PDB file of N, CA and C in Angstrom:
ATOM      1  N   UNK A   1      96.820  82.980 112.662  1.00  0.00           N
ATOM      2  CA  UNK A   1      95.990  83.573 111.169  1.00  0.00           C
ATOM      3  C   UNK A   1      97.997  84.228 110.823  1.00  0.00           C
ATOM      4  N   UNK A   2      97.859  83.225 109.235  1.00  0.00           N
ATOM      5  CA  UNK A   2      99.027  83.984 108.539  1.00  0.00           C
ATOM      6  C   UNK A   2      99.049  84.939 108.185  1.00  0.00           C
ATOM      7  N   UNK A   3     100.401  85.448 108.138  1.00  0.00           N
ATOM      8  CA  UNK A   3      99.927  86.977 106.893  1.00  0.00           C
ATOM      9  C   UNK A   3     100.051  86.551 105.921  1.00  0.00           C
ATOM     10  N   UNK A   4      99.437  87.484 105.028  1.00  0.00           N
ATOM     11  CA  UNK A   4      99.885  87.092 103.232  1.00  0.00           C
ATOM     12  C   UNK A   4     100.609  88.883 102.660  1.00  0.00           C
ATOM     13  N   UNK A   5     101.955  88.259 101.957  1.00  0.00           N
ATOM     14  CA  UNK A   5     102.234  89.435 101.235  1.00  0.00           C
ATOM     15  C   UNK A   5     102.069  89.387 100.195  1.00  0.00           C
ATOM     16  N   UNK A   6     101.163  90.908  99.990  1.00  0.00           N
ATOM     17  CA  UNK A   6     100.499  91.083  99.014  1.00  0.00           C
ATOM     18  C   UNK A   6     101.624  92.224  97.930  1.00  0.00           C
ATOM     19  N   UNK A   7     102.050  91.692  96.637  1.00  0.00           N
ATOM     20  CA  UNK A   7     102.647  93.073  96.166  1.00  0.00           C
ATOM     21  C   UNK A   7     101.802  92.755  94.500  1.00  0.00           C
ATOM     22  N   UNK A   8     101.747  94.445  94.563  1.00  0.00           N
ATOM     23  CA  UNK A   8     101.152  95.491  93.741  1.00  0.00           C
ATOM     24  C   UNK A   8     102.022  96.138  92.649  1.00  0.00           C
ATOM     25  N   UNK A   9     102.377  95.313  91.164  1.00  0.00           N
ATOM     26  CA  UNK A   9     103.294  95.728  90.460  1.00  0.00           C
ATOM     27  C   UNK A   9     102.101  96.303  89.332  1.00  0.00           C
ATOM     28  N   UNK A  10     102.722  97.790  88.861  1.00  0.00           N
ATOM     29  CA  UNK A  10     102.055  98.524  88.060  1.00  0.00           C
ATOM     30  C   UNK A  10     102.307  99.960  87.769  1.00  0.00           C
ATOM     31  N   UNK A  11     102.080 101.043  87.656  1.00  0.00           N
ATOM     32  CA  UNK A  11     102.425 102.601  87.004  1.00  0.00           C
ATOM     33  C   UNK A  11     101.633 102.939  87.838  1.00  0.00           C
ATOM     34  N   UNK A  12     101.721 104.138  88.628  1.00  0.00           N
ATOM     35  CA  UNK A  12     100.699 104.552  89.600  1.00  0.00           C
ATOM     36  C   UNK A  12      99.688 105.670  88.868  1.00  0.00           C
ATOM     37  N   UNK A  13     100.257 106.250  87.513  1.00  0.00           N
ATOM     38  CA  UNK A  13      99.264 107.001  86.387  1.00  0.00           C
ATOM     39  C   UNK A  13      98.027 106.182  86.108  1.00  0.00           C
ATOM     40  N   UNK A  14      98.338 104.921  85.487  1.00  0.00           N
ATOM     41  CA  UNK A  14      97.577 103.839  84.941  1.00  0.00           C
ATOM     42  C   UNK A  14      96.078 103.835  85.631  1.00  0.00           C
ATOM     43  N   UNK A  15      95.184 104.103  85.121  1.00  0.00           N
ATOM     44  CA  UNK A  15      93.679 103.536  85.626  1.00  0.00           C
ATOM     45  C   UNK A  15      93.346 102.886  86.317  1.00  0.00           C
ATOM     46  N   UNK A  16      94.020 101.292  85.485  1.00  0.00           N
ATOM     47  CA  UNK A  16      93.211 100.385  85.709  1.00  0.00           C
ATOM     48  C   UNK A  16      94.375  99.668  87.222  1.00  0.00           C
ATOM     49  N   UNK A  17      95.378 100.266  87.109  1.00  0.00           N
ATOM     50  CA  UNK A  17      96.589 100.065  88.929  1.00  0.00           C
ATOM     51  C   UNK A  17      95.630 100.985  89.762  1.00  0.00           C
ATOM     52  N   UNK A  18      95.093 102.253  89.427  1.00  0.00           N
ATOM     53  CA  UNK A  18      94.185 103.055  90.040  1.00  0.00           C
ATOM     54  C   UNK A  18      93.424 101.880  90.551  1.00  0.00           C
ATOM     55  N   UNK A  19      92.639 101.738  90.049  1.00  0.00           N
ATOM     56  CA  UNK A  19      91.347 100.767  90.285  1.00  0.00           C
ATOM     57  C   UNK A  19      91.154  99.705  90.679  1.00  0.00           C
ATOM     58  N   UNK A  20      92.740  99.032  91.106  1.00  0.00           N
ATOM     59  CA  UNK A  20      93.152  97.486  91.610  1.00  0.00           C
ATOM     60  C   UNK A  20      93.828  97.866  92.824  1.00  0.00           C
ATOM     61  N   UNK A  21      94.211  99.062  93.090  1.00  0.00           N
ATOM     62  CA  UNK A  21      94.642 100.047  94.058  1.00  0.00           C
ATOM     63  C   UNK A  21      93.442 100.263  95.309  1.00  0.00           C
ATOM     64  N   UNK A  22      92.460 100.369  94.563  1.00  0.00           N
ATOM     65  CA  UNK A  22      91.577 101.272  95.374  1.00  0.00           C
ATOM     66  C   UNK A  22      90.535  99.735  96.150  1.00  0.00           C
ATOM     67  N   UNK A  23      90.449  99.059  94.732  1.00  0.00           N
ATOM     68  CA  UNK A  23      89.842  97.939  95.281  1.00  0.00           C
ATOM     69  C   UNK A  23      90.485  96.863  96.878  1.00  0.00           C
ATOM     70  N   UNK A  24      91.529  96.857  96.070  1.00  0.00           N
ATOM     71  CA  UNK A  24      92.908  96.216  97.174  1.00  0.00           C
ATOM     72  C   UNK A  24      92.655  96.571  98.790  1.00  0.00           C
ATOM     73  N   UNK A  25      92.644  98.157  98.653  1.00  0.00           N
ATOM     74  CA  UNK A  25      92.792  98.756 100.001  1.00  0.00           C
ATOM     75  C   UNK A  25      91.508  98.160 100.888  1.00  0.00           C
ATOM     76  N   UNK A  26      90.229  98.718 100.078  1.00  0.00           N
ATOM     77  CA  UNK A  26      88.699  98.810 100.447  1.00  0.00           C
ATOM     78  C   UNK A  26      89.001  97.265 100.656  1.00  0.00           C
ATOM     79  N   UNK A  27      89.671  96.137 100.416  1.00  0.00           N
ATOM     80  CA  UNK A  27      89.371  94.776 100.559  1.00  0.00           C
ATOM     81  C   UNK A  27      90.129  94.588 101.712  1.00  0.00           C
ATOM     82  N   UNK A  28      91.656  95.185 101.982  1.00  0.00           N
ATOM     83  CA  UNK A  28      92.065  94.746 103.116  1.00  0.00           C
ATOM     84  C   UNK A  28      91.326  95.007 104.522  1.00  0.00           C
ATOM     85  N   UNK A  29      90.265  96.446 104.814  1.00  0.00           N
ATOM     86  CA  UNK A  29      89.861  96.825 105.554  1.00  0.00           C
ATOM     87  C   UNK A  29      89.124  95.497 106.009  1.00  0.00           C
ATOM     88  N   UNK A  30      88.759  95.294 105.444  1.00  0.00           N
ATOM     89  CA  UNK A  30      87.296  94.159 105.441  1.00  0.00           C
ATOM     90  C   UNK A  30      87.588  92.434 105.569  1.00  0.00           C
ATOM     91  N   UNK A  31      88.899  92.571 105.746  1.00  0.00           N
ATOM     92  CA  UNK A  31      89.193  91.254 105.580  1.00  0.00           C
ATOM     93  C   UNK A  31      89.510  90.854 106.929  1.00  0.00           C
ATOM     94  N   UNK A  32      89.769  89.272 107.177  1.00  0.00           N
ATOM     95  CA  UNK A  32      90.322  89.038 108.511  1.00  0.00           C
ATOM     96  C   UNK A  32      91.828  88.503 108.004  1.00  0.00           C
ATOM     97  N   UNK A  33      92.725  88.472 107.331  1.00  0.00           N
ATOM     98  CA  UNK A  33      93.885  87.992 107.222  1.00  0.00           C
ATOM     99  C   UNK A  33      94.777  89.420 107.557  1.00  0.00           C
ATOM    100  N   UNK A  34      95.757  89.223 107.908  1.00  0.00           N
ATOM    101  CA  UNK A  34      96.789  90.347 107.934  1.00  0.00           C
ATOM    102  C   UNK A  34      97.660  90.317 106.407  1.00  0.00           C
ATOM    103  N   UNK A  35      97.642  91.337 105.886  1.00  0.00           N
ATOM    104  CA  UNK A  35      98.354  91.779 105.052  1.00  0.00           C
ATOM    105  C   UNK A  35      99.057  92.504 105.036  1.00  0.00           C
ATOM    106  N   UNK A  36     100.446  92.299 104.529  1.00  0.00           N
ATOM    107  CA  UNK A  36     101.788  93.164 103.933  1.00  0.00           C
ATOM    108  C   UNK A  36     101.400  93.910 102.396  1.00  0.00           C
ATOM    109  N   UNK A  37     101.010  94.632 102.145  1.00  0.00           N
ATOM    110  CA  UNK A  37     101.576  95.419 101.201  1.00  0.00           C
ATOM    111  C   UNK A  37     102.237  96.425 100.760  1.00  0.00           C
ATOM    112  N   UNK A  38     102.801  95.720  99.219  1.00  0.00           N
ATOM    113  CA  UNK A  38     104.122  96.277  98.683  1.00  0.00           C
ATOM    114  C   UNK A  38     104.056  96.353  97.478  1.00  0.00           C
ATOM    115  N   UNK A  39     103.998  97.923  97.055  1.00  0.00           N
ATOM    116  CA  UNK A  39     103.416  98.179  95.643  1.00  0.00           C
ATOM    117  C   UNK A  39     104.893  98.639  94.756  1.00  0.00           C
ATOM    118  N   UNK A  40     105.423  98.245  93.863  1.00  0.00           N
ATOM    119  CA  UNK A  40     106.698  97.973  93.379  1.00  0.00           C
ATOM    120  C   UNK A  40     106.137  98.758  91.814  1.00  0.00           C
ATOM    121  N   UNK A  41     106.406  99.922  91.549  1.00  0.00           N
ATOM    122  CA  UNK A  41     106.328 100.920  90.611  1.00  0.00           C
ATOM    123  C   UNK A  41     107.550 101.084  89.927  1.00  0.00           C
ATOM    124  N   UNK A  42     108.314 101.019  90.262  1.00  0.00           N
ATOM    125  CA  UNK A  42     109.859 101.744  89.543  1.00  0.00           C
ATOM    126  C   UNK A  42     110.151 100.846  87.946  1.00  0.00           C
ATOM    127  N   UNK A  43     110.115 101.337  86.887  1.00  0.00           N
ATOM    128  CA  UNK A  43     110.812 100.881  85.712  1.00  0.00           C
ATOM    129  C   UNK A  43     111.548  99.930  85.563  1.00  0.00           C
ATOM    130  N   UNK A  44     112.671  99.572  86.432  1.00  0.00           N
ATOM    131  CA  UNK A  44     113.400  98.302  86.377  1.00  0.00           C
ATOM    132  C   UNK A  44     113.206  97.272  86.711  1.00  0.00           C
ATOM    133  N   UNK A  45     112.438  97.276  87.903  1.00  0.00           N
ATOM    134  CA  UNK A  45     111.182  95.999  88.342  1.00  0.00           C
ATOM    135  C   UNK A  45     110.144  95.898  87.412  1.00  0.00           C
ATOM    136  N   UNK A  46     109.353  96.917  86.876  1.00  0.00           N
ATOM    137  CA  UNK A  46     107.978  96.580  85.838  1.00  0.00           C
ATOM    138  C   UNK A  46     109.013  95.862  83.956  1.00  0.00           C
ATOM    139  N   UNK A  47     109.856  96.264  84.285  1.00  0.00           N
ATOM    140  CA  UNK A  47     110.458  95.701  82.770  1.00  0.00           C
ATOM    141  C   UNK A  47     110.866  94.121  81.610  1.00  0.00           C
ATOM    142  N   UNK A  48     110.341  93.210  83.426  1.00  0.00           N
ATOM    143  CA  UNK A  48     110.545  92.439  83.186  1.00  0.00           C
ATOM    144  C   UNK A  48     109.562  91.696  82.976  1.00  0.00           C
ATOM    145  N   UNK A  49     108.174  92.377  83.093  1.00  0.00           N
ATOM    146  CA  UNK A  49     107.113  92.132  82.776  1.00  0.00           C
ATOM    147  C   UNK A  49     106.579  92.406  81.524  1.00  0.00           C
ATOM    148  N   UNK A  50     105.487  91.747  80.516  1.00  0.00           N
ATOM    149  CA  UNK A  50     105.114  92.039  79.469  1.00  0.00           C
ATOM    150  C   UNK A  50     103.746  93.326  79.960  1.00  0.00           C
ATOM    151  N   UNK A  51     104.146  94.789  79.379  1.00  0.00           N
ATOM    152  CA  UNK A  51     102.815  95.294  79.429  1.00  0.00           C
ATOM    153  C   UNK A  51     101.652  95.043  79.477  1.00  0.00           C
ATOM    154  N   UNK A  52     101.544  94.043  78.720  1.00  0.00           N
ATOM    155  CA  UNK A  52      99.987  93.547  78.714  1.00  0.00           C
ATOM    156  C   UNK A  52      99.427  92.761  79.587  1.00  0.00           C
ATOM    157  N   UNK A  53     100.253  93.072  80.571  1.00  0.00           N
ATOM    158  CA  UNK A  53      99.927  91.922  82.038  1.00  0.00           C
ATOM    159  C   UNK A  53     100.039  92.659  82.925  1.00  0.00           C
ATOM    160  N   UNK A  54     100.144  93.552  82.875  1.00  0.00           N
ATOM    161  CA  UNK A  54      99.942  95.092  84.244  1.00  0.00           C
ATOM    162  C   UNK A  54      98.889  95.817  84.082  1.00  0.00           C
ATOM    163  N   UNK A  55      98.636  96.085  85.508  1.00  0.00           N
ATOM    164  CA  UNK A  55      99.048  96.032  86.270  1.00  0.00           C
ATOM    165  C   UNK A  55      98.310  94.149  86.812  1.00  0.00           C
ATOM    166  N   UNK A  56      99.580  93.724  88.132  1.00  0.00           N
ATOM    167  CA  UNK A  56      99.253  92.764  88.401  1.00  0.00           C
ATOM    168  C   UNK A  56      99.148  92.605  89.878  1.00  0.00           C
ATOM    169  N   UNK A  57      98.814  91.010  90.443  1.00  0.00           N
ATOM    170  CA  UNK A  57      98.582  91.478  91.730  1.00  0.00           C
ATOM    171  C   UNK A  57      98.810  89.993  92.237  1.00  0.00           C
ATOM    172  N   UNK A  58     100.210  89.781  92.922  1.00  0.00           N
ATOM    173  CA  UNK A  58     100.552  88.480  93.924  1.00  0.00           C
ATOM    174  C   UNK A  58     100.356  88.406  94.921  1.00  0.00           C
ATOM    175  N   UNK A  59     100.039  87.603  95.827  1.00  0.00           N
ATOM    176  CA  UNK A  59      99.432  86.719  96.917  1.00  0.00           C
ATOM    177  C   UNK A  59     100.483  85.866  97.424  1.00  0.00           C
ATOM    178  N   UNK A  60     101.573  86.262  98.320  1.00  0.00           N
ATOM    179  CA  UNK A  60     102.482  84.676  98.781  1.00  0.00           C
ATOM    180  C   UNK A  60     103.177  84.554  97.923  1.00  0.00           C
ATOM    181  N   UNK A  61     103.729  85.205  96.767  1.00  0.00           N
ATOM    182  CA  UNK A  61     104.285  84.656  95.396  1.00  0.00           C
ATOM    183  C   UNK A  61     103.415  84.105  93.803  1.00  0.00           C
ATOM    184  N   UNK A  62     102.046  84.065  94.468  1.00  0.00           N
ATOM    185  CA  UNK A  62     101.158  83.242  93.162  1.00  0.00           C
ATOM    186  C   UNK A  62     100.851  84.668  92.056  1.00  0.00           C
ATOM    187  N   UNK A  63     100.451  84.651  90.965  1.00  0.00           N
ATOM    188  CA  UNK A  63      99.585  85.835  90.179  1.00  0.00           C
ATOM    189  C   UNK A  63      98.002  85.307  90.575  1.00  0.00           C
ATOM    190  N   UNK A  64      97.389  86.436  91.627  1.00  0.00           N
ATOM    191  CA  UNK A  64      95.776  86.163  91.079  1.00  0.00           C
ATOM    192  C   UNK A  64      95.388  87.020  90.290  1.00  0.00           C
ATOM    193  N   UNK A  65      95.443  87.917  90.734  1.00  0.00           N
ATOM    194  CA  UNK A  65      94.989  88.992  88.926  1.00  0.00           C
ATOM    195  C   UNK A  65      95.863  89.885  87.884  1.00  0.00           C
ATOM    196  N   UNK A  66      95.368  89.920  86.852  1.00  0.00           N
ATOM    197  CA  UNK A  66      96.235  90.637  85.959  1.00  0.00           C
ATOM    198  C   UNK A  66      95.587  91.657  84.802  1.00  0.00           C
ATOM    199  N   UNK A  67      96.155  92.525  84.670  1.00  0.00           N
ATOM    200  CA  UNK A  67      94.971  93.441  83.725  1.00  0.00           C
ATOM    201  C   UNK A  67      93.871  94.189  84.165  1.00  0.00           C
ATOM    202  N   UNK A  68      93.152  93.137  84.266  1.00  0.00           N
ATOM    203  CA  UNK A  68      91.857  93.758  84.933  1.00  0.00           C
ATOM    204  C   UNK A  68      91.651  93.258  86.951  1.00  0.00           C
ATOM    205  N   UNK A  69      90.556  94.541  87.132  1.00  0.00           N
ATOM    206  CA  UNK A  69      90.428  94.425  88.481  1.00  0.00           C
ATOM    207  C   UNK A  69      89.636  93.318  89.144  1.00  0.00           C
ATOM    208  N   UNK A  70      89.626  92.356  90.233  1.00  0.00           N
ATOM    209  CA  UNK A  70      88.695  91.763  90.643  1.00  0.00           C
ATOM    210  C   UNK A  70      88.084  92.767  90.942  1.00  0.00           C
ATOM    211  N   UNK A  71      86.846  92.484  91.616  1.00  0.00           N
ATOM    212  CA  UNK A  71      85.855  93.177  92.660  1.00  0.00           C
ATOM    213  C   UNK A  71      86.716  92.989  93.887  1.00  0.00           C
ATOM    214  N   UNK A  72      85.970  93.606  94.691  1.00  0.00           N
ATOM    215  CA  UNK A  72      86.485  93.676  96.297  1.00  0.00           C
ATOM    216  C   UNK A  72      85.676  92.475  96.775  1.00  0.00           C
ATOM    217  N   UNK A  73      84.624  91.752  96.818  1.00  0.00           N
ATOM    218  CA  UNK A  73      83.990  90.734  96.873  1.00  0.00           C
ATOM    219  C   UNK A  73      84.944  89.309  96.323  1.00  0.00           C
ATOM    220  N   UNK A  74      85.747  89.477  95.434  1.00  0.00           N
ATOM    221  CA  UNK A  74      86.509  88.352  94.335  1.00  0.00           C
ATOM    222  C   UNK A  74      87.864  88.595  95.265  1.00  0.00           C
ATOM    223  N   UNK A  75      88.289  89.828  95.791  1.00  0.00           N
ATOM    224  CA  UNK A  75      89.370  90.219  96.244  1.00  0.00           C
ATOM    225  C   UNK A  75      89.823  89.247  97.729  1.00  0.00           C
ATOM    226  N   UNK A  76      88.312  89.430  98.913  1.00  0.00           N
ATOM    227  CA  UNK A  76      87.661  89.163  99.944  1.00  0.00           C
ATOM    228  C   UNK A  76      88.392  87.360  99.767  1.00  0.00           C
ATOM    229  N   UNK A  77      87.822  86.728  98.809  1.00  0.00           N
ATOM    230  CA  UNK A  77      87.447  85.555  98.722  1.00  0.00           C
ATOM    231  C   UNK A  77      89.497  84.985  98.336  1.00  0.00           C
ATOM    232  N   UNK A  78      89.748  85.866  97.875  1.00  0.00           N
ATOM    233  CA  UNK A  78      91.225  85.338  97.259  1.00  0.00           C
ATOM    234  C   UNK A  78      92.057  85.432  98.377  1.00  0.00           C
ATOM    235  N   UNK A  79      91.611  86.162  99.241  1.00  0.00           N
ATOM    236  CA  UNK A  79      92.895  86.555 100.953  1.00  0.00           C
ATOM    237  C   UNK A  79      92.159  85.366 101.506  1.00  0.00           C
ATOM    238  N   UNK A  80      90.959  85.431 101.556  1.00  0.00           N
ATOM    239  CA  UNK A  80      90.646  83.778 102.441  1.00  0.00           C
ATOM    240  C   UNK A  80      91.297  82.576 102.186  1.00  0.00           C
ATOM    241  N   UNK A  81      91.265  82.484 100.968  1.00  0.00           N
ATOM    242  CA  UNK A  81      91.514  81.364 100.067  1.00  0.00           C
ATOM    243  C   UNK A  81      92.873  80.972 100.502  1.00  0.00           C
ATOM    244  N   UNK A  82      94.023  81.737 100.197  1.00  0.00           N
ATOM    245  CA  UNK A  82      95.548  82.070 100.163  1.00  0.00           C
ATOM    246  C   UNK A  82      95.558  82.191 101.981  1.00  0.00           C
ATOM    247  N   UNK A  83      95.122  82.548 102.839  1.00  0.00           N
ATOM    248  CA  UNK A  83      95.340  82.673 104.265  1.00  0.00           C
ATOM    249  C   UNK A  83      94.873  81.126 105.037  1.00  0.00           C
ATOM    250  N   UNK A  84      95.001  80.450 104.221  1.00  0.00           N
ATOM    251  CA  UNK A  84      94.952  79.088 104.450  1.00  0.00           C
ATOM    252  C   UNK A  84      96.635  78.338 105.409  1.00  0.00           C
TER     253      UNK A  84
END
């Protein structure tokens, strides 16, 4: 089983970020994949992105969600797909 490197970009005060984070953590509890989650929310790191694309979720360097949070089930499928 490979380790998935998950990066969550956004501002913690944002409701969309909070929703994505909650769903990410819930999906992480029930997935078979091993996840390493990194939250990136400092202004200097976020400045390189268009603000309209935040929050943003990457798995192993590939963007899998931007702006709107996928469902918990969709996140589980994403983790299973990237775990191969």
